[in-house]
Amino acid sequence: MASAEFWYEFASTYSYPAALRVAALAAERGVSLVWRPFLLGPIFAAHGWRDSPFNIYPAKGRNMVRDCERQCAELGVPFRLPAPFPAMSLLAGRVALVGLQDGWGEDFSRAVYRAEFGDGLDISEPTVVSAIVGNLGHDADPVLARAQSAAIKSALRASTEEAERRGIFGAPSFVSAGELFWGNDRLEQALSWAKRP
């Protein structure tokens, strides 16, 4: 079966609509999907950025907000920029890895995006993440404890380092048949590319 990797960062606005769309589209096209959470902060720092490009360049940031509002309206979901932006996504990224290991990481990831960009909640707050885990039917305390384990911390660090090695510079990104595709607007093309002979 053809496969593609979905690289996403919880602080990424455009990863929100991508995360809501990607599983159904991949299933429709017969493409196996691998969810890959990572952190953009270290990658941005390697490029000399200490903040999101959407904050560094205010005109770009204003356009991004309106663009996301339009895209989310087409999907029938709300969009609001949380404060602070970008959110500190370290805890959510670690919990996503726990969930992906245990089979509920995709649902968790979508729920984090809805909480953050739909409801405007601060996903750096452990209470917010705990509530998401609990709403999915899991005991949050052991999950959050495991998210702080050396193994999970190392796994997220390794994922971020792998993303950088593979040339990923933004989110969402898709790796399909050896090619890198960047952006929610490249999702369909990435999935089609996975089916190329």
N, C-alpha and C. Protein backbone atom coordinates (compact mmCIF):
# COMPACT_ATOMS: atom_id res chain seq x y z
N MET A 1 0.84 -1.20 0.00
CA MET A 1 0.00 0.00 0.00
C MET A 1 0.88 1.25 0.00
N ALA A 2 0.49 2.24 -0.77
CA ALA A 2 1.20 3.51 -0.79
C ALA A 2 1.12 4.16 0.58
N SER A 3 2.14 4.92 0.94
CA SER A 3 2.15 5.55 2.25
C SER A 3 2.70 6.97 2.16
N ALA A 4 2.34 7.77 3.16
CA ALA A 4 2.84 9.14 3.27
C ALA A 4 2.98 9.48 4.74
N GLU A 5 3.86 10.42 5.04
CA GLU A 5 4.06 10.88 6.41
C GLU A 5 3.47 12.28 6.56
N PHE A 6 2.76 12.48 7.65
CA PHE A 6 2.15 13.76 7.99
C PHE A 6 2.93 14.34 9.17
N TRP A 7 3.73 15.36 8.89
CA TRP A 7 4.55 16.02 9.90
C TRP A 7 3.82 17.27 10.38
N TYR A 8 3.56 17.35 11.68
CA TYR A 8 2.74 18.44 12.20
C TYR A 8 3.28 18.96 13.53
N GLU A 9 2.98 20.23 13.76
CA GLU A 9 3.39 20.96 14.97
C GLU A 9 2.13 21.57 15.56
N PHE A 10 1.90 21.35 16.85
CA PHE A 10 0.66 21.84 17.44
C PHE A 10 0.56 23.36 17.48
N ALA A 11 1.67 24.07 17.38
CA ALA A 11 1.62 25.53 17.34
C ALA A 11 1.30 26.07 15.95
N SER A 12 1.25 25.18 14.96
CA SER A 12 1.08 25.59 13.56
C SER A 12 -0.38 25.77 13.20
N THR A 13 -0.72 26.98 12.78
CA THR A 13 -2.11 27.27 12.39
C THR A 13 -2.57 26.40 11.23
N TYR A 14 -1.77 26.28 10.19
CA TYR A 14 -2.19 25.54 9.01
C TYR A 14 -2.22 24.02 9.24
N SER A 15 -1.56 23.56 10.30
CA SER A 15 -1.66 22.14 10.63
C SER A 15 -3.05 21.79 11.16
N TYR A 16 -3.77 22.78 11.67
CA TYR A 16 -5.12 22.55 12.20
C TYR A 16 -6.07 22.04 11.11
N PRO A 17 -6.30 22.78 10.02
CA PRO A 17 -7.18 22.21 8.99
C PRO A 17 -6.61 20.95 8.35
N ALA A 18 -5.29 20.87 8.23
CA ALA A 18 -4.69 19.66 7.65
C ALA A 18 -4.99 18.44 8.51
N ALA A 19 -4.87 18.58 9.83
CA ALA A 19 -5.11 17.46 10.72
C ALA A 19 -6.57 17.00 10.67
N LEU A 20 -7.47 17.93 10.43
CA LEU A 20 -8.88 17.57 10.35
C LEU A 20 -9.23 16.87 9.03
N ARG A 21 -8.41 17.10 7.99
CA ARG A 21 -8.72 16.58 6.65
C ARG A 21 -7.95 15.33 6.26
N VAL A 22 -6.74 15.19 6.79
CA VAL A 22 -5.79 14.28 6.19
C VAL A 22 -6.18 12.81 6.27
N ALA A 23 -6.75 12.37 7.39
CA ALA A 23 -7.04 10.93 7.53
C ALA A 23 -8.10 10.47 6.53
N ALA A 24 -9.18 11.23 6.41
CA ALA A 24 -10.24 10.83 5.48
C ALA A 24 -9.75 10.86 4.04
N LEU A 25 -8.98 11.88 3.70
CA LEU A 25 -8.47 11.97 2.32
C LEU A 25 -7.50 10.84 2.01
N ALA A 26 -6.65 10.50 2.96
CA ALA A 26 -5.71 9.39 2.75
C ALA A 26 -6.48 8.07 2.58
N ALA A 27 -7.50 7.86 3.40
CA ALA A 27 -8.30 6.63 3.29
C ALA A 27 -9.00 6.56 1.95
N GLU A 28 -9.55 7.67 1.48
CA GLU A 28 -10.23 7.70 0.18
C GLU A 28 -9.28 7.31 -0.95
N ARG A 29 -8.02 7.71 -0.82
CA ARG A 29 -7.05 7.46 -1.89
C ARG A 29 -6.27 6.16 -1.69
N GLY A 30 -6.55 5.44 -0.62
CA GLY A 30 -5.83 4.19 -0.38
C GLY A 30 -4.38 4.41 0.00
N VAL A 31 -4.12 5.47 0.76
CA VAL A 31 -2.76 5.80 1.19
C VAL A 31 -2.66 5.59 2.70
N SER A 32 -1.70 4.80 3.12
CA SER A 32 -1.43 4.61 4.54
C SER A 32 -0.72 5.85 5.08
N LEU A 33 -1.17 6.33 6.23
CA LEU A 33 -0.68 7.60 6.76
C LEU A 33 0.07 7.39 8.07
N VAL A 34 1.23 8.01 8.19
CA VAL A 34 2.01 7.98 9.44
C VAL A 34 2.01 9.39 10.02
N TRP A 35 1.48 9.53 11.23
CA TRP A 35 1.43 10.83 11.91
C TRP A 35 2.75 11.07 12.62
N ARG A 36 3.38 12.23 12.38
CA ARG A 36 4.71 12.53 12.91
C ARG A 36 4.74 13.90 13.59
N PRO A 37 4.43 13.97 14.88
CA PRO A 37 4.55 15.25 15.58
C PRO A 37 6.02 15.63 15.76
N PHE A 38 6.29 16.93 15.70
CA PHE A 38 7.65 17.44 15.91
C PHE A 38 7.55 18.87 16.40
N LEU A 39 8.68 19.48 16.70
CA LEU A 39 8.72 20.86 17.20
C LEU A 39 9.40 21.76 16.17
N LEU A 40 8.76 22.88 15.88
CA LEU A 40 9.34 23.83 14.94
C LEU A 40 10.34 24.77 15.59
N GLY A 41 10.22 25.00 16.90
CA GLY A 41 11.09 25.97 17.57
C GLY A 41 12.57 25.75 17.29
N PRO A 42 13.09 24.54 17.50
CA PRO A 42 14.52 24.31 17.22
C PRO A 42 14.88 24.52 15.75
N ILE A 43 13.96 24.20 14.85
CA ILE A 43 14.23 24.39 13.42
C ILE A 43 14.25 25.88 13.09
N PHE A 44 13.29 26.63 13.63
CA PHE A 44 13.30 28.08 13.43
C PHE A 44 14.59 28.69 13.99
N ALA A 45 14.99 28.23 15.18
CA ALA A 45 16.21 28.77 15.80
C ALA A 45 17.43 28.53 14.92
N ALA A 46 17.47 27.38 14.26
CA ALA A 46 18.59 27.08 13.37
C ALA A 46 18.63 28.03 12.18
N HIS A 47 17.47 28.62 11.84
CA HIS A 47 17.40 29.61 10.76
C HIS A 47 17.57 31.03 11.29
N GLY A 48 17.80 31.17 12.59
CA GLY A 48 18.00 32.49 13.17
C GLY A 48 16.73 33.18 13.62
N TRP A 49 15.61 32.46 13.62
CA TRP A 49 14.34 33.05 14.06
C TRP A 49 14.11 32.73 15.53
N ARG A 50 13.68 33.71 16.29
CA ARG A 50 13.37 33.51 17.70
C ARG A 50 11.87 33.58 17.95
N ASP A 51 11.09 33.64 16.88
CA ASP A 51 9.64 33.74 16.98
C ASP A 51 9.04 33.17 15.69
N SER A 52 7.73 33.04 15.67
CA SER A 52 7.05 32.61 14.45
C SER A 52 7.23 33.67 13.36
N PRO A 53 7.43 33.24 12.11
CA PRO A 53 7.49 34.21 11.01
C PRO A 53 6.23 35.07 10.94
N PHE A 54 5.10 34.53 11.42
CA PHE A 54 3.86 35.30 11.40
C PHE A 54 3.87 36.43 12.42
N ASN A 55 4.73 36.35 13.42
CA ASN A 55 4.92 37.46 14.36
C ASN A 55 6.05 38.38 13.90
N ILE A 56 7.07 37.79 13.31
CA ILE A 56 8.20 38.60 12.83
C ILE A 56 7.75 39.54 11.72
N TYR A 57 6.85 39.05 10.87
CA TYR A 57 6.35 39.84 9.74
C TYR A 57 4.84 40.06 9.93
N PRO A 58 4.43 41.16 10.57
CA PRO A 58 3.01 41.36 10.93
C PRO A 58 2.05 41.29 9.75
N ALA A 59 2.44 41.80 8.59
CA ALA A 59 1.54 41.74 7.44
C ALA A 59 1.26 40.28 7.06
N LYS A 60 2.30 39.46 7.11
CA LYS A 60 2.14 38.04 6.83
C LYS A 60 1.23 37.39 7.88
N GLY A 61 1.39 37.80 9.14
CA GLY A 61 0.57 37.26 10.21
C GLY A 61 -0.90 37.61 10.05
N ARG A 62 -1.17 38.85 9.67
CA ARG A 62 -2.57 39.25 9.47
C ARG A 62 -3.21 38.47 8.33
N ASN A 63 -2.45 38.29 7.26
CA ASN A 63 -2.96 37.53 6.13
C ASN A 63 -3.20 36.07 6.51
N MET A 64 -2.29 35.49 7.31
CA MET A 64 -2.45 34.11 7.75
C MET A 64 -3.74 33.93 8.53
N VAL A 65 -4.03 34.86 9.44
CA VAL A 65 -5.24 34.74 10.25
C VAL A 65 -6.47 34.74 9.36
N ARG A 66 -6.53 35.69 8.42
CA ARG A 66 -7.70 35.76 7.54
C ARG A 66 -7.78 34.53 6.64
N ASP A 67 -6.63 34.06 6.17
CA ASP A 67 -6.60 32.88 5.32
C ASP A 67 -7.10 31.65 6.08
N CYS A 68 -6.67 31.51 7.32
CA CYS A 68 -7.13 30.38 8.14
C CYS A 68 -8.62 30.49 8.44
N GLU A 69 -9.09 31.71 8.67
CA GLU A 69 -10.53 31.90 8.88
C GLU A 69 -11.32 31.42 7.67
N ARG A 70 -10.85 31.75 6.48
CA ARG A 70 -11.54 31.33 5.25
C ARG A 70 -11.49 29.81 5.09
N GLN A 71 -10.30 29.23 5.27
CA GLN A 71 -10.16 27.79 5.09
C GLN A 71 -11.02 27.02 6.09
N CYS A 72 -11.03 27.49 7.33
CA CYS A 72 -11.80 26.80 8.36
C CYS A 72 -13.30 26.98 8.13
N ALA A 73 -13.70 28.14 7.62
CA ALA A 73 -15.12 28.34 7.30
C ALA A 73 -15.57 27.34 6.24
N GLU A 74 -14.71 27.06 5.26
CA GLU A 74 -15.05 26.07 4.24
C GLU A 74 -15.21 24.68 4.83
N LEU A 75 -14.46 24.40 5.90
CA LEU A 75 -14.56 23.10 6.57
C LEU A 75 -15.68 23.07 7.60
N GLY A 76 -16.27 24.23 7.88
CA GLY A 76 -17.34 24.28 8.88
C GLY A 76 -16.85 24.20 10.30
N VAL A 77 -15.61 24.66 10.55
CA VAL A 77 -15.05 24.66 11.90
C VAL A 77 -14.61 26.07 12.26
N PRO A 78 -14.61 26.41 13.55
CA PRO A 78 -14.19 27.76 13.94
C PRO A 78 -12.68 27.91 13.87
N PHE A 79 -12.25 29.16 13.80
CA PHE A 79 -10.82 29.47 13.90
C PHE A 79 -10.65 30.70 14.77
N ARG A 80 -9.79 30.58 15.75
CA ARG A 80 -9.38 31.74 16.53
C ARG A 80 -7.92 31.57 16.92
N LEU A 81 -7.19 32.65 16.86
CA LEU A 81 -5.78 32.60 17.20
C LEU A 81 -5.65 32.64 18.72
N PRO A 82 -5.01 31.63 19.30
CA PRO A 82 -4.90 31.62 20.76
C PRO A 82 -3.87 32.63 21.25
N ALA A 83 -4.00 33.02 22.49
CA ALA A 83 -2.99 33.87 23.12
C ALA A 83 -2.40 33.09 24.29
N PRO A 84 -1.09 32.98 24.36
CA PRO A 84 -0.12 33.54 23.42
C PRO A 84 -0.04 32.71 22.14
N PHE A 85 0.45 33.36 21.09
CA PHE A 85 0.72 32.69 19.83
C PHE A 85 2.16 32.98 19.43
N PRO A 86 2.93 31.96 19.07
CA PRO A 86 2.55 30.56 19.04
C PRO A 86 2.52 29.94 20.43
N ALA A 87 1.69 28.92 20.58
CA ALA A 87 1.58 28.24 21.86
C ALA A 87 2.83 27.40 22.12
N MET A 88 3.12 27.20 23.38
CA MET A 88 4.17 26.25 23.76
C MET A 88 3.59 24.85 23.60
N SER A 89 4.10 24.11 22.66
CA SER A 89 3.47 22.85 22.27
C SER A 89 4.22 21.61 22.76
N LEU A 90 5.20 21.81 23.62
CA LEU A 90 6.05 20.70 24.05
C LEU A 90 5.24 19.58 24.72
N LEU A 91 4.40 19.93 25.68
CA LEU A 91 3.64 18.90 26.40
C LEU A 91 2.70 18.16 25.46
N ALA A 92 1.97 18.91 24.62
CA ALA A 92 1.05 18.27 23.69
C ALA A 92 1.79 17.33 22.73
N GLY A 93 2.96 17.75 22.28
CA GLY A 93 3.74 16.89 21.39
C GLY A 93 4.16 15.60 22.05
N ARG A 94 4.55 15.69 23.33
CA ARG A 94 4.95 14.48 24.05
C ARG A 94 3.75 13.57 24.28
N VAL A 95 2.61 14.14 24.66
CA VAL A 95 1.42 13.32 24.88
C VAL A 95 0.96 12.69 23.58
N ALA A 96 1.10 13.40 22.47
CA ALA A 96 0.74 12.82 21.18
C ALA A 96 1.55 11.57 20.90
N LEU A 97 2.83 11.59 21.25
CA LEU A 97 3.65 10.39 21.04
C LEU A 97 3.18 9.24 21.90
N VAL A 98 2.79 9.52 23.14
CA VAL A 98 2.22 8.47 24.00
C VAL A 98 0.97 7.91 23.33
N GLY A 99 0.09 8.79 22.89
CA GLY A 99 -1.14 8.36 22.26
C GLY A 99 -0.92 7.58 20.99
N LEU A 100 0.04 8.01 20.18
CA LEU A 100 0.33 7.29 18.94
C LEU A 100 0.86 5.89 19.22
N GLN A 101 1.63 5.76 20.29
CA GLN A 101 2.11 4.43 20.67
C GLN A 101 0.96 3.53 21.12
N ASP A 102 -0.07 4.14 21.71
CA ASP A 102 -1.18 3.37 22.29
C ASP A 102 -2.44 3.34 21.43
N GLY A 103 -2.40 3.97 20.25
CA GLY A 103 -3.52 3.85 19.32
C GLY A 103 -4.56 4.95 19.36
N TRP A 104 -4.36 6.01 20.16
CA TRP A 104 -5.34 7.10 20.21
C TRP A 104 -4.71 8.46 19.91
N GLY A 105 -3.51 8.45 19.39
CA GLY A 105 -2.79 9.69 19.14
C GLY A 105 -3.40 10.57 18.06
N GLU A 106 -4.00 9.95 17.04
CA GLU A 106 -4.62 10.76 15.98
C GLU A 106 -5.83 11.51 16.53
N ASP A 107 -6.66 10.83 17.31
CA ASP A 107 -7.81 11.49 17.92
C ASP A 107 -7.36 12.59 18.87
N PHE A 108 -6.32 12.31 19.64
CA PHE A 108 -5.79 13.32 20.55
C PHE A 108 -5.30 14.54 19.77
N SER A 109 -4.58 14.30 18.69
CA SER A 109 -4.01 15.41 17.91
C SER A 109 -5.12 16.30 17.36
N ARG A 110 -6.15 15.69 16.79
CA ARG A 110 -7.26 16.49 16.29
C ARG A 110 -7.94 17.28 17.42
N ALA A 111 -8.09 16.65 18.57
CA ALA A 111 -8.74 17.31 19.70
C ALA A 111 -7.90 18.48 20.22
N VAL A 112 -6.58 18.34 20.20
CA VAL A 112 -5.71 19.46 20.61
C VAL A 112 -5.90 20.64 19.66
N TYR A 113 -5.91 20.37 18.37
CA TYR A 113 -6.10 21.46 17.41
C TYR A 113 -7.45 22.14 17.59
N ARG A 114 -8.50 21.35 17.83
CA ARG A 114 -9.81 21.96 18.05
C ARG A 114 -9.82 22.83 19.31
N ALA A 115 -9.18 22.35 20.36
CA ALA A 115 -9.13 23.12 21.61
C ALA A 115 -8.34 24.41 21.41
N GLU A 116 -7.23 24.31 20.70
CA GLU A 116 -6.33 25.45 20.53
C GLU A 116 -6.87 26.48 19.55
N PHE A 117 -7.18 26.04 18.34
CA PHE A 117 -7.56 26.99 17.29
C PHE A 117 -9.07 27.11 17.10
N GLY A 118 -9.83 26.19 17.68
CA GLY A 118 -11.27 26.30 17.65
C GLY A 118 -11.80 27.05 18.87
N ASP A 119 -11.27 26.66 20.05
CA ASP A 119 -11.74 27.24 21.32
C ASP A 119 -10.80 28.28 21.90
N GLY A 120 -9.61 28.42 21.33
CA GLY A 120 -8.66 29.42 21.82
C GLY A 120 -8.02 29.08 23.15
N LEU A 121 -7.95 27.79 23.50
CA LEU A 121 -7.38 27.39 24.78
C LEU A 121 -5.85 27.33 24.71
N ASP A 122 -5.23 27.46 25.86
CA ASP A 122 -3.77 27.44 25.97
C ASP A 122 -3.31 26.00 26.16
N ILE A 123 -2.80 25.39 25.10
CA ILE A 123 -2.43 23.97 25.16
C ILE A 123 -1.13 23.73 25.91
N SER A 124 -0.47 24.78 26.38
CA SER A 124 0.70 24.57 27.23
C SER A 124 0.29 24.24 28.65
N GLU A 125 -0.98 24.47 28.99
CA GLU A 125 -1.48 24.22 30.34
C GLU A 125 -1.77 22.73 30.53
N PRO A 126 -1.15 22.09 31.53
CA PRO A 126 -1.42 20.67 31.76
C PRO A 126 -2.89 20.36 32.00
N THR A 127 -3.63 21.30 32.59
CA THR A 127 -5.06 21.04 32.82
C THR A 127 -5.81 20.92 31.50
N VAL A 128 -5.44 21.71 30.52
CA VAL A 128 -6.08 21.63 29.20
C VAL A 128 -5.78 20.29 28.54
N VAL A 129 -4.52 19.90 28.56
CA VAL A 129 -4.12 18.63 27.95
C VAL A 129 -4.75 17.46 28.70
N SER A 130 -4.78 17.54 30.03
CA SER A 130 -5.41 16.48 30.83
C SER A 130 -6.88 16.32 30.48
N ALA A 131 -7.57 17.44 30.31
CA ALA A 131 -8.99 17.38 29.97
C ALA A 131 -9.20 16.71 28.61
N ILE A 132 -8.33 17.01 27.65
CA ILE A 132 -8.44 16.39 26.33
C ILE A 132 -8.25 14.88 26.44
N VAL A 133 -7.22 14.47 27.19
CA VAL A 133 -6.97 13.03 27.36
C VAL A 133 -8.16 12.37 28.04
N GLY A 134 -8.69 13.01 29.09
CA GLY A 134 -9.84 12.46 29.80
C GLY A 134 -11.08 12.36 28.93
N ASN A 135 -11.30 13.36 28.09
CA ASN A 135 -12.46 13.34 27.19
C ASN A 135 -12.37 12.23 26.15
N LEU A 136 -11.16 11.75 25.91
CA LEU A 136 -10.97 10.63 24.99
C LEU A 136 -11.11 9.28 25.71
N GLY A 137 -11.38 9.33 27.01
CA GLY A 137 -11.62 8.10 27.76
C GLY A 137 -10.40 7.48 28.40
N HIS A 138 -9.34 8.27 28.59
CA HIS A 138 -8.11 7.74 29.17
C HIS A 138 -7.81 8.45 30.48
N ASP A 139 -7.12 7.76 31.36
CA ASP A 139 -6.72 8.32 32.65
C ASP A 139 -5.54 9.26 32.42
N ALA A 140 -5.75 10.54 32.66
CA ALA A 140 -4.76 11.54 32.28
C ALA A 140 -3.49 11.47 33.12
N ASP A 141 -3.59 11.16 34.39
CA ASP A 141 -2.40 11.22 35.26
C ASP A 141 -1.28 10.30 34.79
N PRO A 142 -1.54 9.01 34.54
CA PRO A 142 -0.43 8.18 34.05
C PRO A 142 0.04 8.57 32.65
N VAL A 143 -0.87 9.09 31.84
CA VAL A 143 -0.47 9.52 30.49
C VAL A 143 0.50 10.68 30.59
N LEU A 144 0.16 11.70 31.40
CA LEU A 144 1.05 12.85 31.53
C LEU A 144 2.36 12.48 32.20
N ALA A 145 2.31 11.53 33.12
CA ALA A 145 3.55 11.06 33.75
C ALA A 145 4.44 10.38 32.71
N ARG A 146 3.85 9.57 31.87
CA ARG A 146 4.62 8.89 30.83
C ARG A 146 5.17 9.88 29.82
N ALA A 147 4.41 10.95 29.57
CA ALA A 147 4.87 11.98 28.63
C ALA A 147 6.13 12.67 29.12
N GLN A 148 6.38 12.63 30.43
CA GLN A 148 7.58 13.25 30.99
C GLN A 148 8.74 12.26 31.13
N SER A 149 8.54 11.03 30.65
CA SER A 149 9.60 10.03 30.75
C SER A 149 10.75 10.35 29.80
N ALA A 150 11.91 9.82 30.15
CA ALA A 150 13.09 10.05 29.31
C ALA A 150 12.87 9.50 27.90
N ALA A 151 12.15 8.38 27.80
CA ALA A 151 11.95 7.76 26.48
C ALA A 151 11.11 8.65 25.57
N ILE A 152 10.04 9.22 26.11
CA ILE A 152 9.18 10.07 25.29
C ILE A 152 9.87 11.39 24.96
N LYS A 153 10.55 11.98 25.94
CA LYS A 153 11.30 13.21 25.67
C LYS A 153 12.32 12.98 24.55
N SER A 154 13.01 11.86 24.63
CA SER A 154 14.02 11.54 23.62
C SER A 154 13.37 11.30 22.27
N ALA A 155 12.19 10.68 22.25
CA ALA A 155 11.51 10.39 20.98
C ALA A 155 11.09 11.68 20.27
N LEU A 156 10.57 12.66 21.03
CA LEU A 156 10.17 13.92 20.40
C LEU A 156 11.39 14.69 19.90
N ARG A 157 12.45 14.66 20.69
CA ARG A 157 13.69 15.31 20.25
C ARG A 157 14.22 14.66 18.97
N ALA A 158 14.18 13.34 18.93
CA ALA A 158 14.67 12.62 17.75
C ALA A 158 13.79 12.91 16.53
N SER A 159 12.48 13.02 16.74
CA SER A 159 11.58 13.34 15.64
C SER A 159 11.88 14.72 15.07
N THR A 160 12.13 15.67 15.95
CA THR A 160 12.45 17.04 15.51
C THR A 160 13.77 17.06 14.75
N GLU A 161 14.76 16.33 15.26
CA GLU A 161 16.05 16.25 14.58
C GLU A 161 15.93 15.58 13.21
N GLU A 162 15.08 14.55 13.14
CA GLU A 162 14.86 13.89 11.85
C GLU A 162 14.19 14.83 10.87
N ALA A 163 13.21 15.59 11.35
CA ALA A 163 12.54 16.56 10.47
C ALA A 163 13.54 17.53 9.88
N GLU A 164 14.43 18.03 10.72
CA GLU A 164 15.43 18.99 10.24
C GLU A 164 16.37 18.34 9.23
N ARG A 165 16.81 17.13 9.51
CA ARG A 165 17.69 16.42 8.58
C ARG A 165 17.03 16.20 7.23
N ARG A 166 15.73 16.01 7.25
CA ARG A 166 15.01 15.73 6.01
C ARG A 166 14.57 17.00 5.29
N GLY A 167 14.98 18.14 5.80
CA GLY A 167 14.71 19.39 5.10
C GLY A 167 13.38 20.01 5.42
N ILE A 168 12.69 19.53 6.45
CA ILE A 168 11.40 20.10 6.82
C ILE A 168 11.64 21.43 7.52
N PHE A 169 10.95 22.46 7.07
CA PHE A 169 11.17 23.80 7.59
C PHE A 169 9.89 24.46 8.09
N GLY A 170 8.76 23.79 7.92
CA GLY A 170 7.47 24.33 8.34
C GLY A 170 6.46 23.23 8.47
N ALA A 171 5.29 23.60 8.98
CA ALA A 171 4.23 22.62 9.19
C ALA A 171 2.90 23.20 8.72
N PRO A 172 2.04 22.32 8.20
CA PRO A 172 2.25 20.89 8.03
C PRO A 172 3.16 20.59 6.84
N SER A 173 3.85 19.48 6.95
CA SER A 173 4.64 18.97 5.83
C SER A 173 4.27 17.52 5.61
N PHE A 174 4.44 17.08 4.39
CA PHE A 174 4.13 15.71 4.01
C PHE A 174 5.33 15.16 3.25
N VAL A 175 5.72 13.94 3.60
CA VAL A 175 6.77 13.26 2.85
C VAL A 175 6.10 12.09 2.15
N SER A 176 6.21 12.12 0.84
CA SER A 176 5.47 11.17 0.00
C SER A 176 6.37 10.70 -1.13
N ALA A 177 6.64 9.39 -1.17
CA ALA A 177 7.49 8.81 -2.21
C ALA A 177 8.79 9.59 -2.37
N GLY A 178 9.38 9.95 -1.24
CA GLY A 178 10.67 10.63 -1.24
C GLY A 178 10.63 12.12 -1.49
N GLU A 179 9.45 12.68 -1.68
CA GLU A 179 9.31 14.11 -1.96
C GLU A 179 8.72 14.82 -0.75
N LEU A 180 9.14 16.08 -0.53
CA LEU A 180 8.63 16.91 0.55
C LEU A 180 7.60 17.88 0.00
N PHE A 181 6.44 17.92 0.64
CA PHE A 181 5.37 18.84 0.29
C PHE A 181 5.06 19.66 1.55
N TRP A 182 4.95 20.97 1.39
CA TRP A 182 4.74 21.86 2.53
C TRP A 182 3.42 22.59 2.41
N GLY A 183 2.62 22.50 3.46
CA GLY A 183 1.42 23.30 3.54
C GLY A 183 0.13 22.51 3.39
N ASN A 184 -0.90 22.99 4.05
CA ASN A 184 -2.23 22.39 3.94
C ASN A 184 -2.69 22.34 2.50
N ASP A 185 -2.30 23.33 1.70
CA ASP A 185 -2.73 23.38 0.30
C ASP A 185 -1.99 22.38 -0.58
N ARG A 186 -1.02 21.67 -0.03
CA ARG A 186 -0.31 20.63 -0.80
C ARG A 186 -0.70 19.22 -0.36
N LEU A 187 -1.67 19.13 0.54
CA LEU A 187 -2.06 17.83 1.08
C LEU A 187 -2.51 16.88 -0.02
N GLU A 188 -3.45 17.31 -0.83
CA GLU A 188 -3.96 16.43 -1.90
C GLU A 188 -2.87 16.02 -2.87
N GLN A 189 -2.00 16.96 -3.21
CA GLN A 189 -0.91 16.64 -4.14
C GLN A 189 0.02 15.61 -3.52
N ALA A 190 0.31 15.75 -2.23
CA ALA A 190 1.19 14.78 -1.56
C ALA A 190 0.60 13.38 -1.57
N LEU A 191 -0.71 13.29 -1.32
CA LEU A 191 -1.36 11.98 -1.33
C LEU A 191 -1.39 11.38 -2.73
N SER A 192 -1.62 12.20 -3.72
CA SER A 192 -1.59 11.70 -5.11
C SER A 192 -0.20 11.22 -5.49
N TRP A 193 0.81 11.95 -5.02
CA TRP A 193 2.19 11.60 -5.35
C TRP A 193 2.55 10.23 -4.79
N ALA A 194 1.97 9.89 -3.63
CA ALA A 194 2.25 8.59 -3.02
C ALA A 194 1.82 7.42 -3.89
N LYS A 195 0.86 7.67 -4.78
CA LYS A 195 0.33 6.60 -5.64
C LYS A 195 1.03 6.54 -7.00
N ARG A 196 2.01 7.40 -7.22
CA ARG A 196 2.70 7.38 -8.51
C ARG A 196 3.44 6.06 -8.67
N PRO A 197 3.48 5.51 -9.89
CA PRO A 197 4.20 4.23 -10.12
C PRO A 197 5.70 4.41 -9.95
